[in-house]
Amino acid sequence: MFDDFIVKKLYSIDCIVTTHIHLQNLFFSDSQYQSNSVLQEMGT
């Protein structure tokens, strides 16, 4: 029972970390896309 609790705890932490990294990647690619758009607008 105690081991089961630890496994569930680790699993939930793993899910949170994975989601956080995924959100960071989304935000980074989105901000990179926006900065590229700004650079293109400045170039023209």
N, C-alpha and C. Protein backbone atom coordinates (compact mmCIF):
# COMPACT_ATOMS: atom_id res chain seq x y z
N MET A 1 0.84 -1.20 0.00
CA MET A 1 0.00 0.00 0.00
C MET A 1 0.87 1.25 0.00
N PHE A 2 1.91 1.24 0.83
CA PHE A 2 2.80 2.40 0.89
C PHE A 2 3.56 2.56 -0.43
N ASP A 3 4.01 1.45 -0.99
CA ASP A 3 4.69 1.49 -2.28
C ASP A 3 3.77 2.03 -3.36
N ASP A 4 2.51 1.62 -3.30
CA ASP A 4 1.53 2.08 -4.28
C ASP A 4 1.37 3.59 -4.20
N PHE A 5 1.39 4.11 -2.98
CA PHE A 5 1.27 5.56 -2.78
C PHE A 5 2.47 6.28 -3.40
N ILE A 6 3.66 5.74 -3.19
CA ILE A 6 4.88 6.35 -3.74
C ILE A 6 4.83 6.34 -5.27
N VAL A 7 4.41 5.23 -5.83
CA VAL A 7 4.32 5.11 -7.29
C VAL A 7 3.35 6.14 -7.84
N LYS A 8 2.20 6.29 -7.20
CA LYS A 8 1.21 7.27 -7.66
C LYS A 8 1.76 8.68 -7.54
N LYS A 9 2.49 8.94 -6.45
CA LYS A 9 3.06 10.27 -6.23
C LYS A 9 4.09 10.57 -7.32
N LEU A 10 4.97 9.63 -7.58
CA LEU A 10 5.99 9.82 -8.61
C LEU A 10 5.35 10.00 -9.98
N TYR A 11 4.29 9.23 -10.23
CA TYR A 11 3.61 9.31 -11.52
C TYR A 11 2.98 10.69 -11.71
N SER A 12 2.36 11.21 -10.65
CA SER A 12 1.73 12.53 -10.76
C SER A 12 2.78 13.62 -10.95
N ILE A 13 3.91 13.49 -10.26
CA ILE A 13 5.00 14.47 -10.42
C ILE A 13 5.54 14.40 -11.85
N ASP A 14 5.68 13.19 -12.37
CA ASP A 14 6.17 13.00 -13.73
C ASP A 14 5.23 13.65 -14.73
N CYS A 15 3.93 13.51 -14.51
CA CYS A 15 2.94 14.11 -15.40
C CYS A 15 3.03 15.63 -15.36
N ILE A 16 3.21 16.18 -14.16
CA ILE A 16 3.30 17.64 -14.01
C ILE A 16 4.54 18.16 -14.73
N VAL A 17 5.67 17.49 -14.54
CA VAL A 17 6.92 17.91 -15.16
C VAL A 17 6.81 17.83 -16.68
N THR A 18 6.24 16.73 -17.17
CA THR A 18 6.08 16.55 -18.62
C THR A 18 5.19 17.64 -19.20
N THR A 19 4.10 17.95 -18.50
CA THR A 19 3.19 19.00 -18.96
C THR A 19 3.89 20.35 -18.96
N HIS A 20 4.68 20.61 -17.91
CA HIS A 20 5.39 21.88 -17.79
C HIS A 20 6.38 22.06 -18.94
N ILE A 21 7.13 21.00 -19.23
CA ILE A 21 8.10 21.06 -20.33
C ILE A 21 7.38 21.27 -21.66
N HIS A 22 6.25 20.58 -21.82
CA HIS A 22 5.47 20.70 -23.05
C HIS A 22 4.97 22.13 -23.22
N LEU A 23 4.49 22.73 -22.13
CA LEU A 23 4.00 24.11 -22.19
C LEU A 23 5.14 25.07 -22.49
N GLN A 24 6.32 24.83 -21.91
CA GLN A 24 7.48 25.68 -22.18
C GLN A 24 7.86 25.61 -23.65
N ASN A 25 7.84 24.40 -24.21
CA ASN A 25 8.17 24.24 -25.63
C ASN A 25 7.16 24.96 -26.50
N LEU A 26 5.88 24.87 -26.14
CA LEU A 26 4.84 25.57 -26.89
C LEU A 26 5.06 27.07 -26.83
N PHE A 27 5.34 27.57 -25.63
CA PHE A 27 5.53 29.01 -25.45
C PHE A 27 6.78 29.48 -26.20
N PHE A 28 7.84 28.68 -26.13
CA PHE A 28 9.09 29.06 -26.78
C PHE A 28 8.92 29.12 -28.30
N SER A 29 8.29 28.10 -28.86
CA SER A 29 8.10 28.08 -30.31
C SER A 29 7.17 29.20 -30.74
N ASP A 30 6.18 29.52 -29.89
CA ASP A 30 5.24 30.60 -30.21
C ASP A 30 5.95 31.95 -30.17
N SER A 31 6.78 32.18 -29.14
CA SER A 31 7.49 33.46 -29.03
C SER A 31 8.54 33.58 -30.13
N GLN A 32 9.15 32.45 -30.52
CA GLN A 32 10.12 32.46 -31.60
C GLN A 32 9.43 32.82 -32.91
N TYR A 33 8.25 32.27 -33.11
CA TYR A 33 7.46 32.57 -34.32
C TYR A 33 7.10 34.05 -34.35
N GLN A 34 6.69 34.60 -33.21
CA GLN A 34 6.32 36.01 -33.14
C GLN A 34 7.52 36.91 -33.42
N SER A 35 8.69 36.58 -32.87
CA SER A 35 9.87 37.41 -33.10
C SER A 35 10.30 37.33 -34.56
N ASN A 36 10.14 36.18 -35.19
CA ASN A 36 10.45 36.05 -36.62
C ASN A 36 9.51 36.91 -37.44
N SER A 37 8.24 36.95 -37.07
CA SER A 37 7.27 37.78 -37.77
C SER A 37 7.63 39.25 -37.64
N VAL A 38 8.04 39.65 -36.45
CA VAL A 38 8.42 41.05 -36.21
C VAL A 38 9.64 41.41 -37.05
N LEU A 39 10.61 40.51 -37.10
CA LEU A 39 11.82 40.76 -37.89
C LEU A 39 11.47 40.89 -39.37
N GLN A 40 10.58 40.05 -39.85
CA GLN A 40 10.17 40.11 -41.26
C GLN A 40 9.46 41.43 -41.55
N GLU A 41 8.63 41.88 -40.61
CA GLU A 41 7.91 43.14 -40.81
C GLU A 41 8.89 44.32 -40.82
N MET A 42 9.91 44.25 -39.97
CA MET A 42 10.90 45.32 -39.92
C MET A 42 11.74 45.32 -41.20
N GLY A 43 11.98 44.13 -41.77
CA GLY A 43 12.80 44.02 -42.96
C GLY A 43 12.12 44.60 -44.19
N THR A 44 10.80 44.51 -44.23
CA THR A 44 10.10 45.00 -45.43
C THR A 44 9.80 46.48 -45.32
